[in-house]
């Protein structure tokens, strides 16, 4: 079988670094180019030094659009502008890792040129992704929270407001240093940010309203900045009349064909998922309150790993191809 050619736009950030690491070892693809205007001409390993001695490749300023798959790793608001100005091939599949195309009817002026972007949560839209030309990769918090709620919404069993607290590692803030991402501020520190108004709430509500007809409950979300590098742990609770046995059966049935979803009989922690494309989910009941805990690696299942999973599905490959990573430490 011939190998697929892939290209990356915006190759200097954390998500691009993870994407390169995965694609470099993927058995069915070759990286044709990695664009970074600010690093053009420099070795990729000068920026992503974990690739030193492995990848002999330089950043370029301009892409060659003759590829099978194009990954956009640009900042939010930049992908749409890039596509307005680019001359991509009509046969090239596009996977956007920004938030630009995640909400339905985003940027209608581009729909005629590129067609609809399918929301790339495979545990929700596997069939649509497999037939799509363009995919909008979900956000990291949105992925973790939605994976914890999909089975309930699919069954129409959300009966109450949802309370969500979730903490993310410092890589979730991107590679550019800010007041709240440099080491001296982040180390030995935890803080709340964007309470009740995080941008990923729109994705979460869009999915819940799609799956559960008439969904009108509040989704109260408190995000935290953690003092660790990578991973997201989300704790959600709501009232329900379902028994724990019925809930576990509901989740087991919904995720029976989902390769990367692991329903745990014991409480979970981040070291089970960091450096993997897995999502671990734990379920428990306290009187009438259902507790759902979900955990992912924000750079893998929450970003680059999920993007490669979507690529695999779009190309007709096994969805776990190149993604069978084991958690690195316990």
C-alpha atoms as a PDB file:
ATOM      1  CA  UNK A   1       0.000   0.000   0.000  1.00  0.00           C
ATOM      2  CA  UNK A   2       1.318   3.454  -0.883  1.00  0.00           C
ATOM      3  CA  UNK A   3       1.958   5.804   2.016  1.00  0.00           C
ATOM      4  CA  UNK A   4      -0.119   8.951   2.520  1.00  0.00           C
ATOM      5  CA  UNK A   5       1.534  12.365   2.383  1.00  0.00           C
ATOM      6  CA  UNK A   6       0.720  14.840   5.158  1.00  0.00           C
ATOM      7  CA  UNK A   7       1.634  18.456   5.839  1.00  0.00           C
ATOM      8  CA  UNK A   8       1.502  20.661   8.932  1.00  0.00           C
ATOM      9  CA  UNK A   9       0.812  24.401   9.031  1.00  0.00           C
ATOM     10  CA  UNK A  10       1.977  26.132  12.208  1.00  0.00           C
ATOM     11  CA  UNK A  11       4.653  23.688  13.288  1.00  0.00           C
ATOM     12  CA  UNK A  12       6.302  25.337  16.295  1.00  0.00           C
ATOM     13  CA  UNK A  13       3.730  24.921  19.088  1.00  0.00           C
ATOM     14  CA  UNK A  14       3.055  22.180  21.628  1.00  0.00           C
ATOM     15  CA  UNK A  15       0.260  20.507  19.628  1.00  0.00           C
ATOM     16  CA  UNK A  16       2.363  20.546  16.457  1.00  0.00           C
ATOM     17  CA  UNK A  17       5.262  19.002  18.347  1.00  0.00           C
ATOM     18  CA  UNK A  18       3.065  16.162  19.546  1.00  0.00           C
ATOM     19  CA  UNK A  19       1.618  15.759  16.060  1.00  0.00           C
ATOM     20  CA  UNK A  20       5.091  15.478  14.508  1.00  0.00           C
ATOM     21  CA  UNK A  21       6.125  12.934  17.146  1.00  0.00           C
ATOM     22  CA  UNK A  22       3.117  10.742  16.294  1.00  0.00           C
ATOM     23  CA  UNK A  23       3.285  11.121  12.519  1.00  0.00           C
ATOM     24  CA  UNK A  24       7.046  10.497  12.427  1.00  0.00           C
ATOM     25  CA  UNK A  25       6.411   6.943  13.675  1.00  0.00           C
ATOM     26  CA  UNK A  26       3.070   6.367  11.921  1.00  0.00           C
ATOM     27  CA  UNK A  27       3.392   3.313   9.635  1.00  0.00           C
ATOM     28  CA  UNK A  28       1.183   4.680   6.841  1.00  0.00           C
ATOM     29  CA  UNK A  29       2.184   8.329   6.394  1.00  0.00           C
ATOM     30  CA  UNK A  30       5.137  10.492   5.405  1.00  0.00           C
ATOM     31  CA  UNK A  31       5.520  14.103   6.541  1.00  0.00           C
ATOM     32  CA  UNK A  32       5.971  16.176   3.380  1.00  0.00           C
ATOM     33  CA  UNK A  33       6.468  19.573   5.009  1.00  0.00           C
ATOM     34  CA  UNK A  34       6.159  21.489   8.267  1.00  0.00           C
ATOM     35  CA  UNK A  35       5.450  25.205   7.892  1.00  0.00           C
ATOM     36  CA  UNK A  36       6.629  27.744  10.437  1.00  0.00           C
ATOM     37  CA  UNK A  37       7.137  31.258   9.156  1.00  0.00           C
ATOM     38  CA  UNK A  38       9.089  32.306  12.258  1.00  0.00           C
ATOM     39  CA  UNK A  39      11.442  29.291  12.097  1.00  0.00           C
ATOM     40  CA  UNK A  40      11.702  28.742   8.328  1.00  0.00           C
ATOM     41  CA  UNK A  41      15.079  27.240   7.416  1.00  0.00           C
ATOM     42  CA  UNK A  42      15.770  25.992  10.951  1.00  0.00           C
ATOM     43  CA  UNK A  43      15.751  22.322  11.853  1.00  0.00           C
ATOM     44  CA  UNK A  44      12.497  21.063  13.359  1.00  0.00           C
ATOM     45  CA  UNK A  45      14.555  19.465  16.140  1.00  0.00           C
ATOM     46  CA  UNK A  46      15.897  22.916  17.089  1.00  0.00           C
ATOM     47  CA  UNK A  47      12.391  23.740  18.344  1.00  0.00           C
ATOM     48  CA  UNK A  48      11.134  20.253  19.238  1.00  0.00           C
ATOM     49  CA  UNK A  49      14.346  18.919  20.732  1.00  0.00           C
ATOM     50  CA  UNK A  50      12.798  15.571  21.688  1.00  0.00           C
ATOM     51  CA  UNK A  51      13.178  14.832  17.957  1.00  0.00           C
ATOM     52  CA  UNK A  52      16.943  15.443  17.953  1.00  0.00           C
ATOM     53  CA  UNK A  53      18.749  12.637  16.133  1.00  0.00           C
ATOM     54  CA  UNK A  54      15.435  11.272  14.808  1.00  0.00           C
ATOM     55  CA  UNK A  55      13.932  13.743  12.354  1.00  0.00           C
ATOM     56  CA  UNK A  56      16.264  15.407   9.846  1.00  0.00           C
ATOM     57  CA  UNK A  57      13.870  18.015   8.490  1.00  0.00           C
ATOM     58  CA  UNK A  58      13.748  21.810   8.315  1.00  0.00           C
ATOM     59  CA  UNK A  59      10.774  24.126   8.693  1.00  0.00           C
ATOM     60  CA  UNK A  60       9.619  25.798   5.480  1.00  0.00           C
ATOM     61  CA  UNK A  61       7.882  29.115   4.918  1.00  0.00           C
ATOM     62  CA  UNK A  62       5.475  27.957   2.202  1.00  0.00           C
ATOM     63  CA  UNK A  63       3.575  24.655   1.852  1.00  0.00           C
ATOM     64  CA  UNK A  64       3.291  22.281  -1.076  1.00  0.00           C
ATOM     65  CA  UNK A  65      -0.428  21.598  -1.115  1.00  0.00           C
ATOM     66  CA  UNK A  66       0.010  18.317  -2.985  1.00  0.00           C
ATOM     67  CA  UNK A  67      -0.697  16.240   0.132  1.00  0.00           C
ATOM     68  CA  UNK A  68      -3.421  13.858   1.204  1.00  0.00           C
ATOM     69  CA  UNK A  69      -3.976  15.436   4.629  1.00  0.00           C
ATOM     70  CA  UNK A  70      -3.272  18.968   5.856  1.00  0.00           C
ATOM     71  CA  UNK A  71      -3.151  19.674   9.601  1.00  0.00           C
ATOM     72  CA  UNK A  72      -3.755  23.262  10.708  1.00  0.00           C
ATOM     73  CA  UNK A  73      -2.041  23.961  14.037  1.00  0.00           C
ATOM     74  CA  UNK A  74      -2.545  27.708  13.955  1.00  0.00           C
ATOM     75  CA  UNK A  75      -3.950  29.940  16.684  1.00  0.00           C
ATOM     76  CA  UNK A  76      -7.654  30.467  17.184  1.00  0.00           C
ATOM     77  CA  UNK A  77      -9.003  32.795  14.518  1.00  0.00           C
ATOM     78  CA  UNK A  78      -6.007  32.184  12.260  1.00  0.00           C
ATOM     79  CA  UNK A  79      -7.142  28.972  10.533  1.00  0.00           C
ATOM     80  CA  UNK A  80     -10.148  30.608   8.913  1.00  0.00           C
ATOM     81  CA  UNK A  81      -8.007  33.455   7.602  1.00  0.00           C
ATOM     82  CA  UNK A  82      -5.422  31.007   6.288  1.00  0.00           C
ATOM     83  CA  UNK A  83      -8.028  29.009   4.373  1.00  0.00           C
ATOM     84  CA  UNK A  84      -9.519  32.171   2.892  1.00  0.00           C
ATOM     85  CA  UNK A  85      -6.129  32.998   1.395  1.00  0.00           C
ATOM     86  CA  UNK A  86      -4.769  29.529   0.534  1.00  0.00           C
ATOM     87  CA  UNK A  87      -4.977  27.423  -2.610  1.00  0.00           C
ATOM     88  CA  UNK A  88      -5.371  23.927  -1.204  1.00  0.00           C
ATOM     89  CA  UNK A  89      -6.103  21.015  -3.482  1.00  0.00           C
ATOM     90  CA  UNK A  90      -9.723  19.884  -3.713  1.00  0.00           C
ATOM     91  CA  UNK A  91      -8.547  16.344  -2.925  1.00  0.00           C
ATOM     92  CA  UNK A  92      -6.712  17.317   0.273  1.00  0.00           C
ATOM     93  CA  UNK A  93      -8.375  16.479   3.569  1.00  0.00           C
ATOM     94  CA  UNK A  94      -8.118  19.191   6.231  1.00  0.00           C
ATOM     95  CA  UNK A  95      -7.985  18.705   9.991  1.00  0.00           C
ATOM     96  CA  UNK A  96      -8.146  21.978  11.916  1.00  0.00           C
ATOM     97  CA  UNK A  97      -6.895  21.941  15.521  1.00  0.00           C
ATOM     98  CA  UNK A  98      -8.117  25.468  16.321  1.00  0.00           C
ATOM     99  CA  UNK A  99     -11.628  26.312  17.517  1.00  0.00           C
ATOM    100  CA  UNK A 100     -12.561  28.088  14.280  1.00  0.00           C
ATOM    101  CA  UNK A 101     -14.867  25.449  12.772  1.00  0.00           C
ATOM    102  CA  UNK A 102     -16.149  23.555  15.819  1.00  0.00           C
ATOM    103  CA  UNK A 103     -19.532  25.236  16.005  1.00  0.00           C
ATOM    104  CA  UNK A 104     -22.101  24.585  13.290  1.00  0.00           C
ATOM    105  CA  UNK A 105     -22.498  27.216  10.578  1.00  0.00           C
ATOM    106  CA  UNK A 106     -19.115  28.774  11.333  1.00  0.00           C
ATOM    107  CA  UNK A 107     -17.873  31.032   8.554  1.00  0.00           C
ATOM    108  CA  UNK A 108     -20.526  30.339   5.885  1.00  0.00           C
ATOM    109  CA  UNK A 109     -18.410  32.174   3.292  1.00  0.00           C
ATOM    110  CA  UNK A 110     -16.019  29.207   3.321  1.00  0.00           C
ATOM    111  CA  UNK A 111     -18.613  26.446   3.073  1.00  0.00           C
ATOM    112  CA  UNK A 112     -18.818  26.621  -0.714  1.00  0.00           C
ATOM    113  CA  UNK A 113     -15.050  26.285  -1.036  1.00  0.00           C
ATOM    114  CA  UNK A 114     -14.412  23.655   1.611  1.00  0.00           C
ATOM    115  CA  UNK A 115     -17.770  22.150   2.491  1.00  0.00           C
ATOM    116  CA  UNK A 116     -18.928  21.547   6.024  1.00  0.00           C
ATOM    117  CA  UNK A 117     -16.404  20.791   8.753  1.00  0.00           C
ATOM    118  CA  UNK A 118     -17.485  17.698  10.693  1.00  0.00           C
ATOM    119  CA  UNK A 119     -17.049  17.951  14.459  1.00  0.00           C
ATOM    120  CA  UNK A 120     -14.210  15.518  15.099  1.00  0.00           C
ATOM    121  CA  UNK A 121     -15.289  13.705  18.253  1.00  0.00           C
ATOM    122  CA  UNK A 122     -15.165  10.161  16.877  1.00  0.00           C
ATOM    123  CA  UNK A 123     -17.117   8.683  19.789  1.00  0.00           C
ATOM    124  CA  UNK A 124     -19.972  10.901  18.594  1.00  0.00           C
ATOM    125  CA  UNK A 125     -19.476  11.272  14.819  1.00  0.00           C
ATOM    126  CA  UNK A 126     -17.462   8.259  13.626  1.00  0.00           C
ATOM    127  CA  UNK A 127     -19.495   7.656  10.458  1.00  0.00           C
ATOM    128  CA  UNK A 128     -19.579  11.322   9.490  1.00  0.00           C
ATOM    129  CA  UNK A 129     -15.817  11.621  10.009  1.00  0.00           C
ATOM    130  CA  UNK A 130     -15.166   8.550   7.856  1.00  0.00           C
ATOM    131  CA  UNK A 131     -16.931  10.237   4.919  1.00  0.00           C
ATOM    132  CA  UNK A 132     -15.701  13.779   5.460  1.00  0.00           C
ATOM    133  CA  UNK A 133     -13.154  15.944   3.696  1.00  0.00           C
ATOM    134  CA  UNK A 134     -12.791  18.409   6.572  1.00  0.00           C
ATOM    135  CA  UNK A 135     -12.750  17.880  10.331  1.00  0.00           C
ATOM    136  CA  UNK A 136     -12.774  20.376  13.207  1.00  0.00           C
ATOM    137  CA  UNK A 137     -10.790  18.814  16.028  1.00  0.00           C
ATOM    138  CA  UNK A 138     -12.555  19.302  19.408  1.00  0.00           C
ATOM    139  CA  UNK A 139     -11.138  21.330  22.270  1.00  0.00           C
ATOM    140  CA  UNK A 140      -9.305  19.587  25.104  1.00  0.00           C
ATOM    141  CA  UNK A 141     -11.705  20.447  27.959  1.00  0.00           C
ATOM    142  CA  UNK A 142     -14.650  19.839  25.611  1.00  0.00           C
ATOM    143  CA  UNK A 143     -13.335  16.370  24.744  1.00  0.00           C
ATOM    144  CA  UNK A 144     -12.824  15.323  28.354  1.00  0.00           C
ATOM    145  CA  UNK A 145     -16.207  16.605  29.532  1.00  0.00           C
ATOM    146  CA  UNK A 146     -18.209  15.331  26.556  1.00  0.00           C
ATOM    147  CA  UNK A 147     -16.751  11.834  26.808  1.00  0.00           C
ATOM    148  CA  UNK A 148     -18.009  11.784  30.379  1.00  0.00           C
ATOM    149  CA  UNK A 149     -21.544  12.810  29.344  1.00  0.00           C
ATOM    150  CA  UNK A 150     -22.203  11.315  25.882  1.00  0.00           C
ATOM    151  CA  UNK A 151     -23.887   8.062  27.021  1.00  0.00           C
ATOM    152  CA  UNK A 152     -26.307   9.905  29.320  1.00  0.00           C
ATOM    153  CA  UNK A 153     -27.284  12.435  26.664  1.00  0.00           C
ATOM    154  CA  UNK A 154     -27.596   9.762  23.968  1.00  0.00           C
ATOM    155  CA  UNK A 155     -30.078   7.932  26.209  1.00  0.00           C
ATOM    156  CA  UNK A 156     -31.956  11.157  27.002  1.00  0.00           C
ATOM    157  CA  UNK A 157     -31.129  10.587  30.672  1.00  0.00           C
ATOM    158  CA  UNK A 158     -29.784  13.970  31.749  1.00  0.00           C
ATOM    159  CA  UNK A 159     -32.456  15.157  34.173  1.00  0.00           C
ATOM    160  CA  UNK A 160     -30.737  18.000  36.017  1.00  0.00           C
ATOM    161  CA  UNK A 161     -28.188  20.808  35.821  1.00  0.00           C
ATOM    162  CA  UNK A 162     -24.613  19.559  35.384  1.00  0.00           C
ATOM    163  CA  UNK A 163     -21.852  20.729  37.710  1.00  0.00           C
ATOM    164  CA  UNK A 164     -18.348  20.465  36.221  1.00  0.00           C
ATOM    165  CA  UNK A 165     -14.919  21.131  37.723  1.00  0.00           C
ATOM    166  CA  UNK A 166     -11.843  20.362  35.626  1.00  0.00           C
ATOM    167  CA  UNK A 167      -8.130  21.001  35.931  1.00  0.00           C
ATOM    168  CA  UNK A 168      -5.603  21.173  33.084  1.00  0.00           C
ATOM    169  CA  UNK A 169      -1.818  21.181  32.847  1.00  0.00           C
ATOM    170  CA  UNK A 170       0.333  24.118  31.799  1.00  0.00           C
ATOM    171  CA  UNK A 171       0.675  22.882  28.191  1.00  0.00           C
ATOM    172  CA  UNK A 172      -3.004  23.728  27.769  1.00  0.00           C
ATOM    173  CA  UNK A 173      -1.985  27.397  27.749  1.00  0.00           C
ATOM    174  CA  UNK A 174       0.234  26.939  24.690  1.00  0.00           C
ATOM    175  CA  UNK A 175       3.962  27.450  24.194  1.00  0.00           C
ATOM    176  CA  UNK A 176       4.024  31.251  24.326  1.00  0.00           C
ATOM    177  CA  UNK A 177       4.920  32.456  27.818  1.00  0.00           C
ATOM    178  CA  UNK A 178       2.265  34.506  29.622  1.00  0.00           C
ATOM    179  CA  UNK A 179       1.859  35.814  33.162  1.00  0.00           C
ATOM    180  CA  UNK A 180       0.047  32.629  34.208  1.00  0.00           C
ATOM    181  CA  UNK A 181       2.105  30.045  32.310  1.00  0.00           C
ATOM    182  CA  UNK A 182       5.733  30.713  33.267  1.00  0.00           C
ATOM    183  CA  UNK A 183       7.326  28.353  35.791  1.00  0.00           C
ATOM    184  CA  UNK A 184       7.662  30.663  38.792  1.00  0.00           C
ATOM    185  CA  UNK A 185       3.935  31.511  38.708  1.00  0.00           C
ATOM    186  CA  UNK A 186       2.610  28.059  37.828  1.00  0.00           C
ATOM    187  CA  UNK A 187       4.790  25.971  40.134  1.00  0.00           C
ATOM    188  CA  UNK A 188       3.160  25.133  43.498  1.00  0.00           C
ATOM    189  CA  UNK A 189       0.085  27.073  42.412  1.00  0.00           C
ATOM    190  CA  UNK A 190      -3.529  26.398  41.350  1.00  0.00           C
ATOM    191  CA  UNK A 191      -6.079  28.937  40.130  1.00  0.00           C
ATOM    192  CA  UNK A 192      -9.561  29.230  38.623  1.00  0.00           C
ATOM    193  CA  UNK A 193      -9.971  30.933  35.247  1.00  0.00           C
ATOM    194  CA  UNK A 194     -12.928  31.746  32.982  1.00  0.00           C
ATOM    195  CA  UNK A 195     -15.546  30.399  35.455  1.00  0.00           C
ATOM    196  CA  UNK A 196     -18.944  29.757  33.832  1.00  0.00           C
ATOM    197  CA  UNK A 197     -17.751  31.233  30.507  1.00  0.00           C
ATOM    198  CA  UNK A 198     -14.989  29.044  29.113  1.00  0.00           C
ATOM    199  CA  UNK A 199     -15.112  28.912  25.302  1.00  0.00           C
ATOM    200  CA  UNK A 200     -15.424  25.112  25.265  1.00  0.00           C
ATOM    201  CA  UNK A 201     -18.856  25.347  26.896  1.00  0.00           C
ATOM    202  CA  UNK A 202     -20.362  26.165  23.488  1.00  0.00           C
ATOM    203  CA  UNK A 203     -19.042  22.886  22.057  1.00  0.00           C
ATOM    204  CA  UNK A 204     -20.316  20.920  25.034  1.00  0.00           C
ATOM    205  CA  UNK A 205     -23.802  22.416  24.863  1.00  0.00           C
ATOM    206  CA  UNK A 206     -23.961  21.975  21.089  1.00  0.00           C
ATOM    207  CA  UNK A 207     -23.383  18.236  21.519  1.00  0.00           C
ATOM    208  CA  UNK A 208     -25.787  17.804  24.431  1.00  0.00           C
ATOM    209  CA  UNK A 209     -28.534  19.637  22.539  1.00  0.00           C
ATOM    210  CA  UNK A 210     -27.864  17.482  19.483  1.00  0.00           C
ATOM    211  CA  UNK A 211     -28.094  14.199  21.374  1.00  0.00           C
ATOM    212  CA  UNK A 212     -30.878  14.941  23.875  1.00  0.00           C
ATOM    213  CA  UNK A 213     -33.957  16.525  22.391  1.00  0.00           C
ATOM    214  CA  UNK A 214     -35.154  19.508  24.388  1.00  0.00           C
ATOM    215  CA  UNK A 215     -31.998  19.696  26.493  1.00  0.00           C
ATOM    216  CA  UNK A 216     -32.326  22.865  28.588  1.00  0.00           C
ATOM    217  CA  UNK A 217     -30.308  22.243  31.738  1.00  0.00           C
ATOM    218  CA  UNK A 218     -27.459  24.414  32.922  1.00  0.00           C
ATOM    219  CA  UNK A 219     -23.867  23.289  32.437  1.00  0.00           C
ATOM    220  CA  UNK A 220     -21.907  25.024  35.178  1.00  0.00           C
ATOM    221  CA  UNK A 221     -18.191  24.777  34.421  1.00  0.00           C
ATOM    222  CA  UNK A 222     -15.289  25.821  36.677  1.00  0.00           C
ATOM    223  CA  UNK A 223     -11.893  25.326  34.959  1.00  0.00           C
ATOM    224  CA  UNK A 224      -8.626  25.255  36.936  1.00  0.00           C
ATOM    225  CA  UNK A 225      -5.008  25.837  35.950  1.00  0.00           C
ATOM    226  CA  UNK A 226      -2.889  23.044  37.403  1.00  0.00           C
ATOM    227  CA  UNK A 227       0.741  23.089  38.512  1.00  0.00           C
ATOM    228  CA  UNK A 228       1.684  20.115  36.306  1.00  0.00           C
ATOM    229  CA  UNK A 229       2.622  19.832  32.651  1.00  0.00           C
ATOM    230  CA  UNK A 230      -0.053  17.800  30.903  1.00  0.00           C
ATOM    231  CA  UNK A 231      -3.397  16.103  31.454  1.00  0.00           C
ATOM    232  CA  UNK A 232      -7.010  17.008  32.242  1.00  0.00           C
ATOM    233  CA  UNK A 233      -9.099  15.577  35.078  1.00  0.00           C
ATOM    234  CA  UNK A 234     -12.802  16.490  35.056  1.00  0.00           C
ATOM    235  CA  UNK A 235     -15.304  15.778  37.839  1.00  0.00           C
ATOM    236  CA  UNK A 236     -18.998  16.111  36.961  1.00  0.00           C
ATOM    237  CA  UNK A 237     -22.078  15.477  39.051  1.00  0.00           C
ATOM    238  CA  UNK A 238     -25.857  15.677  38.632  1.00  0.00           C
ATOM    239  CA  UNK A 239     -28.990  14.181  40.104  1.00  0.00           C
ATOM    240  CA  UNK A 240     -30.428  11.051  38.500  1.00  0.00           C
ATOM    241  CA  UNK A 241     -32.925   8.344  39.324  1.00  0.00           C
ATOM    242  CA  UNK A 242     -30.939   5.692  37.450  1.00  0.00           C
ATOM    243  CA  UNK A 243     -29.193   3.005  39.471  1.00  0.00           C
ATOM    244  CA  UNK A 244     -25.428   2.651  39.287  1.00  0.00           C
ATOM    245  CA  UNK A 245     -25.891  -0.745  37.643  1.00  0.00           C
ATOM    246  CA  UNK A 246     -28.021   0.810  34.893  1.00  0.00           C
ATOM    247  CA  UNK A 247     -25.560   3.682  34.440  1.00  0.00           C
ATOM    248  CA  UNK A 248     -22.570   1.369  34.076  1.00  0.00           C
ATOM    249  CA  UNK A 249     -24.511  -0.737  31.598  1.00  0.00           C
ATOM    250  CA  UNK A 250     -25.412   2.429  29.659  1.00  0.00           C
ATOM    251  CA  UNK A 251     -21.771   3.488  29.422  1.00  0.00           C
ATOM    252  CA  UNK A 252     -20.515   0.019  28.579  1.00  0.00           C
ATOM    253  CA  UNK A 253     -23.033  -0.280  25.744  1.00  0.00           C
ATOM    254  CA  UNK A 254     -22.355   3.172  24.308  1.00  0.00           C
ATOM    255  CA  UNK A 255     -18.570   2.730  24.325  1.00  0.00           C
ATOM    256  CA  UNK A 256     -18.444  -0.952  23.385  1.00  0.00           C
ATOM    257  CA  UNK A 257     -16.742  -0.184  20.057  1.00  0.00           C
ATOM    258  CA  UNK A 258     -14.693   2.817  21.211  1.00  0.00           C
ATOM    259  CA  UNK A 259     -11.053   1.747  21.233  1.00  0.00           C
ATOM    260  CA  UNK A 260      -9.670   4.500  23.451  1.00  0.00           C
ATOM    261  CA  UNK A 261     -12.396   4.701  26.118  1.00  0.00           C
ATOM    262  CA  UNK A 262     -11.726   2.759  29.311  1.00  0.00           C
ATOM    263  CA  UNK A 263     -14.486   2.459  31.931  1.00  0.00           C
ATOM    264  CA  UNK A 264     -12.661   1.931  35.216  1.00  0.00           C
ATOM    265  CA  UNK A 265     -14.133   0.060  38.219  1.00  0.00           C
ATOM    266  CA  UNK A 266     -11.846   2.118  40.483  1.00  0.00           C
ATOM    267  CA  UNK A 267     -11.291   5.828  40.943  1.00  0.00           C
ATOM    268  CA  UNK A 268      -8.885   7.212  38.330  1.00  0.00           C
ATOM    269  CA  UNK A 269      -5.909   9.578  38.172  1.00  0.00           C
ATOM    270  CA  UNK A 270      -3.933  11.464  35.544  1.00  0.00           C
ATOM    271  CA  UNK A 271      -0.919   9.135  35.395  1.00  0.00           C
ATOM    272  CA  UNK A 272      -3.177   6.499  33.827  1.00  0.00           C
ATOM    273  CA  UNK A 273      -3.719   8.648  30.721  1.00  0.00           C
ATOM    274  CA  UNK A 274      -0.753  11.009  30.349  1.00  0.00           C
ATOM    275  CA  UNK A 275       1.236  10.213  27.168  1.00  0.00           C
ATOM    276  CA  UNK A 276      -1.655   8.107  25.802  1.00  0.00           C
ATOM    277  CA  UNK A 277      -4.662   8.693  23.558  1.00  0.00           C
ATOM    278  CA  UNK A 278      -6.949   7.057  26.117  1.00  0.00           C
ATOM    279  CA  UNK A 279      -9.820   8.476  28.123  1.00  0.00           C
ATOM    280  CA  UNK A 280     -10.481   6.839  31.495  1.00  0.00           C
ATOM    281  CA  UNK A 281     -13.962   7.216  33.023  1.00  0.00           C
ATOM    282  CA  UNK A 282     -15.084   6.373  36.565  1.00  0.00           C
ATOM    283  CA  UNK A 283     -18.730   6.277  37.696  1.00  0.00           C
ATOM    284  CA  UNK A 284     -20.117   6.359  41.235  1.00  0.00           C
ATOM    285  CA  UNK A 285     -23.384   7.230  43.008  1.00  0.00           C
ATOM    286  CA  UNK A 286     -23.860   9.038  46.282  1.00  0.00           C
ATOM    287  CA  UNK A 287     -27.558   8.911  47.202  1.00  0.00           C
ATOM    288  CA  UNK A 288     -29.244  10.533  44.161  1.00  0.00           C
ATOM    289  CA  UNK A 289     -26.045  12.177  42.873  1.00  0.00           C
ATOM    290  CA  UNK A 290     -24.145  10.623  39.971  1.00  0.00           C
ATOM    291  CA  UNK A 291     -20.407  11.386  39.986  1.00  0.00           C
ATOM    292  CA  UNK A 292     -18.553  11.080  36.669  1.00  0.00           C
ATOM    293  CA  UNK A 293     -14.776  11.469  36.572  1.00  0.00           C
ATOM    294  CA  UNK A 294     -12.990  11.527  33.219  1.00  0.00           C
ATOM    295  CA  UNK A 295      -9.315  11.992  32.407  1.00  0.00           C
ATOM    296  CA  UNK A 296      -7.321  12.538  29.215  1.00  0.00           C
ATOM    297  CA  UNK A 297      -3.952  13.834  28.055  1.00  0.00           C
ATOM    298  CA  UNK A 298      -4.739  17.339  26.793  1.00  0.00           C
ATOM    299  CA  UNK A 299      -2.050  17.170  24.073  1.00  0.00           C
ATOM    300  CA  UNK A 300      -3.036  13.710  22.794  1.00  0.00           C
ATOM    301  CA  UNK A 301      -6.705  12.734  23.158  1.00  0.00           C
ATOM    302  CA  UNK A 302      -7.389  16.441  23.714  1.00  0.00           C
ATOM    303  CA  UNK A 303      -5.513  17.599  20.604  1.00  0.00           C
ATOM    304  CA  UNK A 304      -2.887  15.903  18.410  1.00  0.00           C
ATOM    305  CA  UNK A 305      -3.679  12.264  19.198  1.00  0.00           C
ATOM    306  CA  UNK A 306      -7.330  12.876  18.461  1.00  0.00           C
ATOM    307  CA  UNK A 307      -6.337  14.623  15.212  1.00  0.00           C
ATOM    308  CA  UNK A 308      -4.391  11.543  14.093  1.00  0.00           C
ATOM    309  CA  UNK A 309      -7.285   9.321  15.196  1.00  0.00           C
ATOM    310  CA  UNK A 310      -9.531  11.406  12.939  1.00  0.00           C
ATOM    311  CA  UNK A 311      -7.024  11.158  10.096  1.00  0.00           C
ATOM    312  CA  UNK A 312      -6.983   7.377  10.446  1.00  0.00           C
ATOM    313  CA  UNK A 313     -10.772   7.239  10.247  1.00  0.00           C
ATOM    314  CA  UNK A 314     -10.869   9.606   7.248  1.00  0.00           C
ATOM    315  CA  UNK A 315      -8.297   7.471   5.391  1.00  0.00           C
ATOM    316  CA  UNK A 316      -9.998   4.163   6.191  1.00  0.00           C
ATOM    317  CA  UNK A 317      -7.212   2.991   8.526  1.00  0.00           C
ATOM    318  CA  UNK A 318      -7.702   1.386  11.923  1.00  0.00           C
ATOM    319  CA  UNK A 319      -8.349   4.276  14.267  1.00  0.00           C
ATOM    320  CA  UNK A 320      -5.589   3.245  16.686  1.00  0.00           C
ATOM    321  CA  UNK A 321      -2.874   3.128  14.007  1.00  0.00           C
ATOM    322  CA  UNK A 322       0.226   4.847  15.381  1.00  0.00           C
ATOM    323  CA  UNK A 323      -1.542   5.675  18.645  1.00  0.00           C
ATOM    324  CA  UNK A 324      -1.005   2.698  20.923  1.00  0.00           C
ATOM    325  CA  UNK A 325       1.013   4.510  23.578  1.00  0.00           C
ATOM    326  CA  UNK A 326       1.350   3.274  27.132  1.00  0.00           C
ATOM    327  CA  UNK A 327       1.227   5.657  30.082  1.00  0.00           C
ATOM    328  CA  UNK A 328       4.847   6.363  30.978  1.00  0.00           C
ATOM    329  CA  UNK A 329       4.949   6.449  34.775  1.00  0.00           C
ATOM    330  CA  UNK A 330       3.099   5.323  37.885  1.00  0.00           C
END
